[in-house]
Amino acid sequence: MKQRPFLLLWTVAVAATVIAFVLHLGLRGKTVDYGYKLGKARKEQARLREMKRVLSLEAASYRTPDRVEHLSRTLLGMTPPPPERIIVLKDATVPASRLRTTDANAAEGGEAPAPKGEAQ
């Protein structure tokens, strides 16, 4: 009779050890699987960051005035308008970007823009 409780405890201990070992192997397999997935995700993230960098550089190049002028002249066949097609608006406000270029023209000997409110 004394051996029955020992045998029962021994069987429970062996079963618990086997279950713990199987759980350990399962968790270890999941850890390795997640490691591979994480590596793939990081590789994809690096690829997407590089693509974003390239695309942002490309988009920035499309915003430069020289690039826009080149594309409009070559691909679209556009040319500057002849002087008779230009209409000057008396009460129009001039954007700051245009003021800088007209101020530079005035410094080079071109005409200075008339101050707002004065008659031309």
PDB file of N, CA and C in Angstrom:
ATOM      1  N   MET A   1       0.801  -1.194   0.000  1.00  0.00           N
ATOM      2  CA  MET A   1       0.000   0.000   0.000  1.00  0.00           C
ATOM      3  C   MET A   1       0.847   1.262   0.000  1.00  0.00           C
ATOM      4  N   LYS A   2       2.015   1.175   0.630  1.00  0.00           N
ATOM      5  CA  LYS A   2       2.849   2.359   0.716  1.00  0.00           C
ATOM      6  C   LYS A   2       3.379   2.774  -0.658  1.00  0.00           C
ATOM      7  N   GLN A   3       3.518   1.849  -1.575  1.00  0.00           N
ATOM      8  CA  GLN A   3       4.087   2.182  -2.877  1.00  0.00           C
ATOM      9  C   GLN A   3       3.076   2.851  -3.796  1.00  0.00           C
ATOM     10  N   ARG A   4       1.823   2.673  -3.560  1.00  0.00           N
ATOM     11  CA  ARG A   4       0.814   3.289  -4.424  1.00  0.00           C
ATOM     12  C   ARG A   4       0.881   4.810  -4.400  1.00  0.00           C
ATOM     13  N   PRO A   5       0.933   5.477  -3.239  1.00  0.00           N
ATOM     14  CA  PRO A   5       1.040   6.941  -3.279  1.00  0.00           C
ATOM     15  C   PRO A   5       2.336   7.393  -3.952  1.00  0.00           C
ATOM     16  N   PHE A   6       3.425   6.688  -3.738  1.00  0.00           N
ATOM     17  CA  PHE A   6       4.687   7.039  -4.391  1.00  0.00           C
ATOM     18  C   PHE A   6       4.574   6.896  -5.901  1.00  0.00           C
ATOM     19  N   LEU A   7       3.991   5.810  -6.358  1.00  0.00           N
ATOM     20  CA  LEU A   7       3.814   5.573  -7.787  1.00  0.00           C
ATOM     21  C   LEU A   7       2.899   6.621  -8.408  1.00  0.00           C
ATOM     22  N   LEU A   8       1.854   6.992  -7.687  1.00  0.00           N
ATOM     23  CA  LEU A   8       0.939   8.029  -8.164  1.00  0.00           C
ATOM     24  C   LEU A   8       1.644   9.374  -8.259  1.00  0.00           C
ATOM     25  N   LEU A   9       2.402   9.730  -7.212  1.00  0.00           N
ATOM     26  CA  LEU A   9       3.145  10.998  -7.231  1.00  0.00           C
ATOM     27  C   LEU A   9       4.201  10.983  -8.333  1.00  0.00           C
ATOM     28  N   TRP A  10       4.868   9.849  -8.484  1.00  0.00           N
ATOM     29  CA  TRP A  10       5.887   9.724  -9.539  1.00  0.00           C
ATOM     30  C   TRP A  10       5.248   9.895 -10.918  1.00  0.00           C
ATOM     31  N   THR A  11       4.122   9.333 -11.165  1.00  0.00           N
ATOM     32  CA  THR A  11       3.422   9.448 -12.444  1.00  0.00           C
ATOM     33  C   THR A  11       2.976  10.885 -12.695  1.00  0.00           C
ATOM     34  N   VAL A  12       2.464  11.540 -11.670  1.00  0.00           N
ATOM     35  CA  VAL A  12       2.048  12.949 -11.796  1.00  0.00           C
ATOM     36  C   VAL A  12       3.271  13.819 -12.096  1.00  0.00           C
ATOM     37  N   ALA A  13       4.386  13.580 -11.421  1.00  0.00           N
ATOM     38  CA  ALA A  13       5.595  14.374 -11.645  1.00  0.00           C
ATOM     39  C   ALA A  13       6.124  14.179 -13.059  1.00  0.00           C
ATOM     40  N   VAL A  14       6.149  12.950 -13.544  1.00  0.00           N
ATOM     41  CA  VAL A  14       6.623  12.674 -14.905  1.00  0.00           C
ATOM     42  C   VAL A  14       5.682  13.310 -15.920  1.00  0.00           C
ATOM     43  N   ALA A  15       4.381  13.201 -15.697  1.00  0.00           N
ATOM     44  CA  ALA A  15       3.401  13.800 -16.613  1.00  0.00           C
ATOM     45  C   ALA A  15       3.547  15.325 -16.636  1.00  0.00           C
ATOM     46  N   ALA A  16       3.722  15.920 -15.455  1.00  0.00           N
ATOM     47  CA  ALA A  16       3.903  17.375 -15.388  1.00  0.00           C
ATOM     48  C   ALA A  16       5.183  17.798 -16.107  1.00  0.00           C
ATOM     49  N   THR A  17       6.234  17.019 -15.961  1.00  0.00           N
ATOM     50  CA  THR A  17       7.494  17.318 -16.637  1.00  0.00           C
ATOM     51  C   THR A  17       7.333  17.218 -18.155  1.00  0.00           C
ATOM     52  N   VAL A  18       6.653  16.186 -18.603  1.00  0.00           N
ATOM     53  CA  VAL A  18       6.432  16.006 -20.042  1.00  0.00           C
ATOM     54  C   VAL A  18       5.587  17.159 -20.587  1.00  0.00           C
ATOM     55  N   ILE A  19       4.537  17.522 -19.861  1.00  0.00           N
ATOM     56  CA  ILE A  19       3.677  18.640 -20.299  1.00  0.00           C
ATOM     57  C   ILE A  19       4.468  19.939 -20.340  1.00  0.00           C
ATOM     58  N   ALA A  20       5.287  20.173 -19.317  1.00  0.00           N
ATOM     59  CA  ALA A  20       6.096  21.391 -19.287  1.00  0.00           C
ATOM     60  C   ALA A  20       7.082  21.408 -20.458  1.00  0.00           C
ATOM     61  N   PHE A  21       7.694  20.264 -20.752  1.00  0.00           N
ATOM     62  CA  PHE A  21       8.642  20.184 -21.859  1.00  0.00           C
ATOM     63  C   PHE A  21       7.948  20.426 -23.198  1.00  0.00           C
ATOM     64  N   VAL A  22       6.769  19.859 -23.389  1.00  0.00           N
ATOM     65  CA  VAL A  22       6.021  20.062 -24.629  1.00  0.00           C
ATOM     66  C   VAL A  22       5.625  21.539 -24.764  1.00  0.00           C
ATOM     67  N   LEU A  23       5.163  22.152 -23.676  1.00  0.00           N
ATOM     68  CA  LEU A  23       4.834  23.581 -23.706  1.00  0.00           C
ATOM     69  C   LEU A  23       6.066  24.426 -24.026  1.00  0.00           C
ATOM     70  N   HIS A  24       7.197  24.062 -23.427  1.00  0.00           N
ATOM     71  CA  HIS A  24       8.443  24.776 -23.692  1.00  0.00           C
ATOM     72  C   HIS A  24       8.807  24.698 -25.184  1.00  0.00           C
ATOM     73  N   LEU A  25       8.705  23.500 -25.765  1.00  0.00           N
ATOM     74  CA  LEU A  25       9.001  23.343 -27.189  1.00  0.00           C
ATOM     75  C   LEU A  25       8.036  24.143 -28.057  1.00  0.00           C
ATOM     76  N   GLY A  26       6.756  24.129 -27.679  1.00  0.00           N
ATOM     77  CA  GLY A  26       5.768  24.899 -28.434  1.00  0.00           C
ATOM     78  C   GLY A  26       6.044  26.394 -28.377  1.00  0.00           C
ATOM     79  N   LEU A  27       6.352  26.884 -27.173  1.00  0.00           N
ATOM     80  CA  LEU A  27       6.658  28.311 -27.033  1.00  0.00           C
ATOM     81  C   LEU A  27       7.957  28.684 -27.741  1.00  0.00           C
ATOM     82  N   ARG A  28       8.920  27.796 -27.688  1.00  0.00           N
ATOM     83  CA  ARG A  28      10.189  28.038 -28.380  1.00  0.00           C
ATOM     84  C   ARG A  28       9.960  28.103 -29.898  1.00  0.00           C
ATOM     85  N   GLY A  29       9.143  27.212 -30.411  1.00  0.00           N
ATOM     86  CA  GLY A  29       8.806  27.243 -31.843  1.00  0.00           C
ATOM     87  C   GLY A  29       8.097  28.532 -32.229  1.00  0.00           C
ATOM     88  N   LYS A  30       7.164  28.991 -31.375  1.00  0.00           N
ATOM     89  CA  LYS A  30       6.468  30.252 -31.635  1.00  0.00           C
ATOM     90  C   LYS A  30       7.450  31.423 -31.603  1.00  0.00           C
ATOM     91  N   THR A  31       8.394  31.396 -30.664  1.00  0.00           N
ATOM     92  CA  THR A  31       9.383  32.467 -30.565  1.00  0.00           C
ATOM     93  C   THR A  31      10.222  32.543 -31.832  1.00  0.00           C
ATOM     94  N   VAL A  32      10.667  31.399 -32.325  1.00  0.00           N
ATOM     95  CA  VAL A  32      11.452  31.372 -33.560  1.00  0.00           C
ATOM     96  C   VAL A  32      10.614  31.863 -34.736  1.00  0.00           C
ATOM     97  N   ASP A  33       9.360  31.434 -34.795  1.00  0.00           N
ATOM     98  CA  ASP A  33       8.465  31.860 -35.868  1.00  0.00           C
ATOM     99  C   ASP A  33       8.266  33.377 -35.836  1.00  0.00           C
ATOM    100  N   TYR A  34       8.023  33.913 -34.636  1.00  0.00           N
ATOM    101  CA  TYR A  34       7.858  35.372 -34.522  1.00  0.00           C
ATOM    102  C   TYR A  34       9.153  36.110 -34.868  1.00  0.00           C
ATOM    103  N   GLY A  35      10.293  35.501 -34.558  1.00  0.00           N
ATOM    104  CA  GLY A  35      11.576  36.109 -34.923  1.00  0.00           C
ATOM    105  C   GLY A  35      11.726  36.224 -36.433  1.00  0.00           C
ATOM    106  N   TYR A  36      11.353  35.170 -37.165  1.00  0.00           N
ATOM    107  CA  TYR A  36      11.410  35.221 -38.628  1.00  0.00           C
ATOM    108  C   TYR A  36      10.435  36.261 -39.180  1.00  0.00           C
ATOM    109  N   LYS A  37       9.225  36.284 -38.616  1.00  0.00           N
ATOM    110  CA  LYS A  37       8.237  37.273 -39.066  1.00  0.00           C
ATOM    111  C   LYS A  37       8.717  38.694 -38.794  1.00  0.00           C
ATOM    112  N   LEU A  38       9.334  38.902 -37.637  1.00  0.00           N
ATOM    113  CA  LEU A  38       9.853  40.223 -37.294  1.00  0.00           C
ATOM    114  C   LEU A  38      10.979  40.625 -38.244  1.00  0.00           C
ATOM    115  N   GLY A  39      11.837  39.687 -38.576  1.00  0.00           N
ATOM    116  CA  GLY A  39      12.912  39.972 -39.525  1.00  0.00           C
ATOM    117  C   GLY A  39      12.364  40.362 -40.889  1.00  0.00           C
ATOM    118  N   LYS A  40      11.343  39.647 -41.360  1.00  0.00           N
ATOM    119  CA  LYS A  40      10.721  39.983 -42.649  1.00  0.00           C
ATOM    120  C   LYS A  40      10.062  41.354 -42.581  1.00  0.00           C
ATOM    121  N   ALA A  41       9.395  41.645 -41.461  1.00  0.00           N
ATOM    122  CA  ALA A  41       8.726  42.942 -41.319  1.00  0.00           C
ATOM    123  C   ALA A  41       9.745  44.078 -41.298  1.00  0.00           C
ATOM    124  N   ARG A  42      10.871  43.876 -40.633  1.00  0.00           N
ATOM    125  CA  ARG A  42      11.906  44.920 -40.600  1.00  0.00           C
ATOM    126  C   ARG A  42      12.525  45.127 -41.980  1.00  0.00           C
ATOM    127  N   LYS A  43      12.700  44.038 -42.709  1.00  0.00           N
ATOM    128  CA  LYS A  43      13.231  44.143 -44.067  1.00  0.00           C
ATOM    129  C   LYS A  43      12.251  44.918 -44.953  1.00  0.00           C
ATOM    130  N   GLU A  44      10.978  44.609 -44.830  1.00  0.00           N
ATOM    131  CA  GLU A  44       9.940  45.319 -45.592  1.00  0.00           C
ATOM    132  C   GLU A  44       9.889  46.790 -45.185  1.00  0.00           C
ATOM    133  N   GLN A  45      10.033  47.060 -43.891  1.00  0.00           N
ATOM    134  CA  GLN A  45      10.039  48.438 -43.411  1.00  0.00           C
ATOM    135  C   GLN A  45      11.220  49.211 -43.994  1.00  0.00           C
ATOM    136  N   ALA A  46      12.388  48.602 -44.032  1.00  0.00           N
ATOM    137  CA  ALA A  46      13.564  49.259 -44.611  1.00  0.00           C
ATOM    138  C   ALA A  46      13.349  49.519 -46.097  1.00  0.00           C
ATOM    139  N   ARG A  47      12.747  48.547 -46.800  1.00  0.00           N
ATOM    140  CA  ARG A  47      12.467  48.726 -48.223  1.00  0.00           C
ATOM    141  C   ARG A  47      11.483  49.875 -48.447  1.00  0.00           C
ATOM    142  N   LEU A  48      10.448  49.939 -47.621  1.00  0.00           N
ATOM    143  CA  LEU A  48       9.452  50.998 -47.760  1.00  0.00           C
ATOM    144  C   LEU A  48      10.030  52.369 -47.404  1.00  0.00           C
ATOM    145  N   ARG A  49      10.906  52.420 -46.391  1.00  0.00           N
ATOM    146  CA  ARG A  49      11.545  53.701 -46.061  1.00  0.00           C
ATOM    147  C   ARG A  49      12.421  54.186 -47.215  1.00  0.00           C
ATOM    148  N   GLU A  50      13.154  53.277 -47.832  1.00  0.00           N
ATOM    149  CA  GLU A  50      13.989  53.653 -48.975  1.00  0.00           C
ATOM    150  C   GLU A  50      13.121  54.124 -50.133  1.00  0.00           C
ATOM    151  N   MET A  51      12.013  53.424 -50.360  1.00  0.00           N
ATOM    152  CA  MET A  51      11.105  53.830 -51.428  1.00  0.00           C
ATOM    153  C   MET A  51      10.517  55.214 -51.140  1.00  0.00           C
ATOM    154  N   LYS A  52      10.166  55.464 -49.878  1.00  0.00           N
ATOM    155  CA  LYS A  52       9.632  56.771 -49.504  1.00  0.00           C
ATOM    156  C   LYS A  52      10.680  57.856 -49.731  1.00  0.00           C
ATOM    157  N   ARG A  53      11.929  57.568 -49.377  1.00  0.00           N
ATOM    158  CA  ARG A  53      12.998  58.549 -49.563  1.00  0.00           C
ATOM    159  C   ARG A  53      13.178  58.865 -51.048  1.00  0.00           C
ATOM    160  N   VAL A  54      13.191  57.831 -51.885  1.00  0.00           N
ATOM    161  CA  VAL A  54      13.356  58.029 -53.325  1.00  0.00           C
ATOM    162  C   VAL A  54      12.182  58.807 -53.902  1.00  0.00           C
ATOM    163  N   LEU A  55      10.976  58.455 -53.486  1.00  0.00           N
ATOM    164  CA  LEU A  55       9.792  59.138 -54.009  1.00  0.00           C
ATOM    165  C   LEU A  55       9.713  60.583 -53.539  1.00  0.00           C
ATOM    166  N   SER A  56      10.134  60.859 -52.312  1.00  0.00           N
ATOM    167  CA  SER A  56      10.111  62.249 -51.849  1.00  0.00           C
ATOM    168  C   SER A  56      11.152  63.077 -52.594  1.00  0.00           C
ATOM    169  N   LEU A  57      12.313  62.484 -52.909  1.00  0.00           N
ATOM    170  CA  LEU A  57      13.296  63.203 -53.720  1.00  0.00           C
ATOM    171  C   LEU A  57      12.759  63.461 -55.128  1.00  0.00           C
ATOM    172  N   GLU A  58      12.079  62.463 -55.675  1.00  0.00           N
ATOM    173  CA  GLU A  58      11.502  62.625 -57.001  1.00  0.00           C
ATOM    174  C   GLU A  58      10.411  63.696 -56.991  1.00  0.00           C
ATOM    175  N   ALA A  59       9.581  63.690 -55.949  1.00  0.00           N
ATOM    176  CA  ALA A  59       8.527  64.701 -55.845  1.00  0.00           C
ATOM    177  C   ALA A  59       9.127  66.086 -55.673  1.00  0.00           C
ATOM    178  N   ALA A  60      10.205  66.192 -54.913  1.00  0.00           N
ATOM    179  CA  ALA A  60      10.853  67.490 -54.734  1.00  0.00           C
ATOM    180  C   ALA A  60      11.440  67.992 -56.053  1.00  0.00           C
ATOM    181  N   SER A  61      11.936  67.077 -56.868  1.00  0.00           N
ATOM    182  CA  SER A  61      12.496  67.503 -58.152  1.00  0.00           C
ATOM    183  C   SER A  61      11.401  68.004 -59.088  1.00  0.00           C
ATOM    184  N   TYR A  62      10.181  67.486 -58.938  1.00  0.00           N
ATOM    185  CA  TYR A  62       9.087  67.956 -59.782  1.00  0.00           C
ATOM    186  C   TYR A  62       8.596  69.334 -59.361  1.00  0.00           C
ATOM    187  N   ARG A  63       8.917  69.767 -58.155  1.00  0.00           N
ATOM    188  CA  ARG A  63       8.461  71.066 -57.672  1.00  0.00           C
ATOM    189  C   ARG A  63       9.393  72.205 -58.057  1.00  0.00           C
ATOM    190  N   THR A  64      10.578  71.913 -58.523  1.00  0.00           N
ATOM    191  CA  THR A  64      11.506  72.992 -58.860  1.00  0.00           C
ATOM    192  C   THR A  64      11.038  73.688 -60.135  1.00  0.00           C
ATOM    193  N   PRO A  65      11.158  75.014 -60.186  1.00  0.00           N
ATOM    194  CA  PRO A  65      10.711  75.754 -61.368  1.00  0.00           C
ATOM    195  C   PRO A  65      11.426  75.322 -62.647  1.00  0.00           C
ATOM    196  N   ASP A  66      12.703  75.007 -62.549  1.00  0.00           N
ATOM    197  CA  ASP A  66      13.434  74.578 -63.746  1.00  0.00           C
ATOM    198  C   ASP A  66      12.854  73.284 -64.306  1.00  0.00           C
ATOM    199  N   ARG A  67      12.526  72.352 -63.429  1.00  0.00           N
ATOM    200  CA  ARG A  67      11.954  71.086 -63.865  1.00  0.00           C
ATOM    201  C   ARG A  67      10.578  71.298 -64.499  1.00  0.00           C
ATOM    202  N   VAL A  68       9.757  72.145 -63.880  1.00  0.00           N
ATOM    203  CA  VAL A  68       8.426  72.431 -64.423  1.00  0.00           C
ATOM    204  C   VAL A  68       8.549  73.086 -65.788  1.00  0.00           C
ATOM    205  N   GLU A  69       9.476  74.032 -65.918  1.00  0.00           N
ATOM    206  CA  GLU A  69       9.665  74.705 -67.205  1.00  0.00           C
ATOM    207  C   GLU A  69      10.145  73.714 -68.265  1.00  0.00           C
ATOM    208  N   HIS A  70      11.085  72.864 -67.894  1.00  0.00           N
ATOM    209  CA  HIS A  70      11.613  71.873 -68.838  1.00  0.00           C
ATOM    210  C   HIS A  70      10.501  70.935 -69.305  1.00  0.00           C
ATOM    211  N   LEU A  71       9.704  70.426 -68.368  1.00  0.00           N
ATOM    212  CA  LEU A  71       8.614  69.528 -68.745  1.00  0.00           C
ATOM    213  C   LEU A  71       7.564  70.235 -69.590  1.00  0.00           C
ATOM    214  N   SER A  72       7.249  71.481 -69.248  1.00  0.00           N
ATOM    215  CA  SER A  72       6.227  72.192 -70.013  1.00  0.00           C
ATOM    216  C   SER A  72       6.706  72.481 -71.432  1.00  0.00           C
ATOM    217  N   ARG A  73       7.985  72.776 -71.585  1.00  0.00           N
ATOM    218  CA  ARG A  73       8.499  73.060 -72.931  1.00  0.00           C
ATOM    219  C   ARG A  73       8.684  71.789 -73.768  1.00  0.00           C
ATOM    220  N   THR A  74       9.210  70.722 -73.152  1.00  0.00           N
ATOM    221  CA  THR A  74       9.505  69.519 -73.936  1.00  0.00           C
ATOM    222  C   THR A  74       8.284  68.611 -74.106  1.00  0.00           C
ATOM    223  N   LEU A  75       7.660  68.221 -73.008  1.00  0.00           N
ATOM    224  CA  LEU A  75       6.554  67.264 -73.101  1.00  0.00           C
ATOM    225  C   LEU A  75       5.260  67.904 -73.596  1.00  0.00           C
ATOM    226  N   LEU A  76       4.986  69.114 -73.124  1.00  0.00           N
ATOM    227  CA  LEU A  76       3.711  69.741 -73.463  1.00  0.00           C
ATOM    228  C   LEU A  76       3.815  70.723 -74.619  1.00  0.00           C
ATOM    229  N   GLY A  77       5.030  71.054 -75.053  1.00  0.00           N
ATOM    230  CA  GLY A  77       5.209  71.964 -76.179  1.00  0.00           C
ATOM    231  C   GLY A  77       4.793  73.398 -75.874  1.00  0.00           C
ATOM    232  N   MET A  78       4.853  73.802 -74.627  1.00  0.00           N
ATOM    233  CA  MET A  78       4.456  75.159 -74.248  1.00  0.00           C
ATOM    234  C   MET A  78       5.573  76.147 -74.535  1.00  0.00           C
ATOM    235  N   THR A  79       5.209  77.386 -74.811  1.00  0.00           N
ATOM    236  CA  THR A  79       6.166  78.471 -75.030  1.00  0.00           C
ATOM    237  C   THR A  79       5.693  79.682 -74.236  1.00  0.00           C
ATOM    238  N   PRO A  80       6.595  80.621 -73.965  1.00  0.00           N
ATOM    239  CA  PRO A  80       6.153  81.836 -73.270  1.00  0.00           C
ATOM    240  C   PRO A  80       5.137  82.589 -74.134  1.00  0.00           C
ATOM    241  N   PRO A  81       4.169  83.258 -73.518  1.00  0.00           N
ATOM    242  CA  PRO A  81       3.167  83.958 -74.313  1.00  0.00           C
ATOM    243  C   PRO A  81       3.772  85.187 -74.985  1.00  0.00           C
ATOM    244  N   PRO A  82       3.294  85.528 -76.156  1.00  0.00           N
ATOM    245  CA  PRO A  82       3.753  86.762 -76.787  1.00  0.00           C
ATOM    246  C   PRO A  82       3.238  87.969 -75.997  1.00  0.00           C
ATOM    247  N   PRO A  83       3.907  89.102 -76.113  1.00  0.00           N
ATOM    248  CA  PRO A  83       3.508  90.283 -75.311  1.00  0.00           C
ATOM    249  C   PRO A  83       2.053  90.702 -75.515  1.00  0.00           C
ATOM    250  N   GLU A  84       1.491  90.501 -76.706  1.00  0.00           N
ATOM    251  CA  GLU A  84       0.100  90.920 -76.917  1.00  0.00           C
ATOM    252  C   GLU A  84      -0.900  90.032 -76.175  1.00  0.00           C
ATOM    253  N   ARG A  85      -0.476  88.876 -75.708  1.00  0.00           N
ATOM    254  CA  ARG A  85      -1.369  87.980 -74.970  1.00  0.00           C
ATOM    255  C   ARG A  85      -1.325  88.226 -73.459  1.00  0.00           C
ATOM    256  N   ILE A  86      -0.410  89.060 -73.002  1.00  0.00           N
ATOM    257  CA  ILE A  86      -0.258  89.329 -71.568  1.00  0.00           C
ATOM    258  C   ILE A  86      -1.200  90.462 -71.179  1.00  0.00           C
ATOM    259  N   ILE A  87      -2.032  90.243 -70.187  1.00  0.00           N
ATOM    260  CA  ILE A  87      -2.971  91.250 -69.691  1.00  0.00           C
ATOM    261  C   ILE A  87      -2.530  91.628 -68.284  1.00  0.00           C
ATOM    262  N   VAL A  88      -2.289  92.922 -68.076  1.00  0.00           N
ATOM    263  CA  VAL A  88      -1.859  93.420 -66.773  1.00  0.00           C
ATOM    264  C   VAL A  88      -3.100  93.840 -65.999  1.00  0.00           C
ATOM    265  N   LEU A  89      -3.252  93.331 -64.798  1.00  0.00           N
ATOM    266  CA  LEU A  89      -4.376  93.687 -63.940  1.00  0.00           C
ATOM    267  C   LEU A  89      -3.948  94.810 -63.022  1.00  0.00           C
ATOM    268  N   LYS A  90      -4.735  95.873 -62.960  1.00  0.00           N
ATOM    269  CA  LYS A  90      -4.364  97.063 -62.187  1.00  0.00           C
ATOM    270  C   LYS A  90      -4.432  96.819 -60.676  1.00  0.00           C
ATOM    271  N   ASP A  91      -5.490  96.151 -60.203  1.00  0.00           N
ATOM    272  CA  ASP A  91      -5.698  96.003 -58.759  1.00  0.00           C
ATOM    273  C   ASP A  91      -5.244  94.653 -58.220  1.00  0.00           C
ATOM    274  N   ALA A  92      -4.491  93.916 -58.995  1.00  0.00           N
ATOM    275  CA  ALA A  92      -4.062  92.589 -58.554  1.00  0.00           C
ATOM    276  C   ALA A  92      -2.898  92.702 -57.586  1.00  0.00           C
ATOM    277  N   THR A  93      -2.900  91.846 -56.589  1.00  0.00           N
ATOM    278  CA  THR A  93      -1.757  91.794 -55.678  1.00  0.00           C
ATOM    279  C   THR A  93      -0.725  90.844 -56.262  1.00  0.00           C
ATOM    280  N   VAL A  94       0.522  91.214 -56.134  1.00  0.00           N
ATOM    281  CA  VAL A  94       1.608  90.415 -56.694  1.00  0.00           C
ATOM    282  C   VAL A  94       2.136  89.490 -55.603  1.00  0.00           C
ATOM    283  N   PRO A  95       2.258  88.195 -55.875  1.00  0.00           N
ATOM    284  CA  PRO A  95       2.806  87.276 -54.867  1.00  0.00           C
ATOM    285  C   PRO A  95       4.240  87.646 -54.508  1.00  0.00           C
ATOM    286  N   ALA A  96       4.623  87.319 -53.297  1.00  0.00           N
ATOM    287  CA  ALA A  96       5.965  87.652 -52.813  1.00  0.00           C
ATOM    288  C   ALA A  96       7.047  87.010 -53.676  1.00  0.00           C
ATOM    289  N   SER A  97       6.786  85.821 -54.194  1.00  0.00           N
ATOM    290  CA  SER A  97       7.790  85.160 -55.031  1.00  0.00           C
ATOM    291  C   SER A  97       8.035  85.947 -56.316  1.00  0.00           C
ATOM    292  N   ARG A  98       7.010  86.559 -56.856  1.00  0.00           N
ATOM    293  CA  ARG A  98       7.170  87.358 -58.080  1.00  0.00           C
ATOM    294  C   ARG A  98       7.826  88.698 -57.772  1.00  0.00           C
ATOM    295  N   LEU A  99       7.604  89.229 -56.572  1.00  0.00           N
ATOM    296  CA  LEU A  99       8.224  90.499 -56.213  1.00  0.00           C
ATOM    297  C   LEU A  99       9.734  90.357 -56.162  1.00  0.00           C
ATOM    298  N   ARG A 100      10.229  89.246 -55.640  1.00  0.00           N
ATOM    299  CA  ARG A 100      11.674  89.060 -55.554  1.00  0.00           C
ATOM    300  C   ARG A 100      12.299  89.041 -56.945  1.00  0.00           C
ATOM    301  N   THR A 101      11.665  88.381 -57.892  1.00  0.00           N
ATOM    302  CA  THR A 101      12.249  88.323 -59.232  1.00  0.00           C
ATOM    303  C   THR A 101      12.143  89.680 -59.918  1.00  0.00           C
ATOM    304  N   THR A 102      11.063  90.438 -59.691  1.00  0.00           N
ATOM    305  CA  THR A 102      10.958  91.748 -60.322  1.00  0.00           C
ATOM    306  C   THR A 102      11.896  92.737 -59.652  1.00  0.00           C
ATOM    307  N   ASP A 103      12.143  92.591 -58.337  1.00  0.00           N
ATOM    308  CA  ASP A 103      13.116  93.447 -57.671  1.00  0.00           C
ATOM    309  C   ASP A 103      14.516  93.181 -58.206  1.00  0.00           C
ATOM    310  N   ALA A 104      14.813  91.908 -58.494  1.00  0.00           N
ATOM    311  CA  ALA A 104      16.119  91.568 -59.056  1.00  0.00           C
ATOM    312  C   ALA A 104      16.241  92.153 -60.460  1.00  0.00           C
ATOM    313  N   ASN A 105      15.152  92.124 -61.241  1.00  0.00           N
ATOM    314  CA  ASN A 105      15.176  92.724 -62.575  1.00  0.00           C
ATOM    315  C   ASN A 105      15.390  94.222 -62.485  1.00  0.00           C
ATOM    316  N   ALA A 106      14.787  94.861 -61.491  1.00  0.00           N
ATOM    317  CA  ALA A 106      14.944  96.301 -61.326  1.00  0.00           C
ATOM    318  C   ALA A 106      16.391  96.637 -60.973  1.00  0.00           C
ATOM    319  N   ALA A 107      17.022  95.794 -60.159  1.00  0.00           N
ATOM    320  CA  ALA A 107      18.415  96.036 -59.786  1.00  0.00           C
ATOM    321  C   ALA A 107      19.338  95.873 -60.986  1.00  0.00           C
ATOM    322  N   GLU A 108      18.945  95.040 -61.950  1.00  0.00           N
ATOM    323  CA  GLU A 108      19.763  94.821 -63.137  1.00  0.00           C
ATOM    324  C   GLU A 108      19.504  95.875 -64.214  1.00  0.00           C
ATOM    325  N   GLY A 109      18.628  96.805 -63.944  1.00  0.00           N
ATOM    326  CA  GLY A 109      18.367  97.845 -64.931  1.00  0.00           C
ATOM    327  C   GLY A 109      16.995  97.748 -65.545  1.00  0.00           C
ATOM    328  N   GLY A 110      16.214  96.776 -65.152  1.00  0.00           N
ATOM    329  CA  GLY A 110      14.859  96.642 -65.665  1.00  0.00           C
ATOM    330  C   GLY A 110      13.942  97.625 -64.961  1.00  0.00           C
ATOM    331  N   GLU A 111      12.666  97.600 -65.305  1.00  0.00           N
ATOM    332  CA  GLU A 111      11.726  98.497 -64.670  1.00  0.00           C
ATOM    333  C   GLU A 111      11.366  97.993 -63.289  1.00  0.00           C
ATOM    334  N   ALA A 112      11.246  98.921 -62.342  1.00  0.00           N
ATOM    335  CA  ALA A 112      10.813  98.574 -61.002  1.00  0.00           C
ATOM    336  C   ALA A 112       9.304  98.494 -60.985  1.00  0.00           C
ATOM    337  N   PRO A 113       8.718  97.611 -60.202  1.00  0.00           N
ATOM    338  CA  PRO A 113       7.274  97.538 -60.144  1.00  0.00           C
ATOM    339  C   PRO A 113       6.693  98.789 -59.494  1.00  0.00           C
ATOM    340  N   ALA A 114       5.557  99.207 -60.004  1.00  0.00           N
ATOM    341  CA  ALA A 114       4.927 100.406 -59.462  1.00  0.00           C
ATOM    342  C   ALA A 114       4.340 100.075 -58.101  1.00  0.00           C
ATOM    343  N   PRO A 115       4.476 100.995 -57.124  1.00  0.00           N
ATOM    344  CA  PRO A 115       3.888 100.750 -55.810  1.00  0.00           C
ATOM    345  C   PRO A 115       2.378 100.640 -55.911  1.00  0.00           C
ATOM    346  N   LYS A 116       1.797  99.862 -55.019  1.00  0.00           N
ATOM    347  CA  LYS A 116       0.362  99.625 -55.044  1.00  0.00           C
ATOM    348  C   LYS A 116      -0.370 100.928 -54.727  1.00  0.00           C
ATOM    349  N   GLY A 117      -1.375 101.216 -55.512  1.00  0.00           N
ATOM    350  CA  GLY A 117      -2.167 102.415 -55.267  1.00  0.00           C
ATOM    351  C   GLY A 117      -1.812 103.562 -56.203  1.00  0.00           C
ATOM    352  N   GLU A 118      -0.631 103.529 -56.808  1.00  0.00           N
ATOM    353  CA  GLU A 118      -0.269 104.594 -57.753  1.00  0.00           C
ATOM    354  C   GLU A 118      -0.762 104.250 -59.139  1.00  0.00           C
ATOM    355  N   ALA A 119      -1.101 105.264 -59.920  1.00  0.00           N
ATOM    356  CA  ALA A 119      -1.567 105.035 -61.284  1.00  0.00           C
ATOM    357  C   ALA A 119      -0.376 104.767 -62.182  1.00  0.00           C
ATOM    358  N   GLN A 120      -0.594 103.893 -63.158  1.00  0.00           N
ATOM    359  CA  GLN A 120       0.494 103.554 -64.085  1.00  0.00           C
ATOM    360  C   GLN A 120       0.336 104.287 -65.367  1.00  0.00           C
TER     361      GLN A 120
END
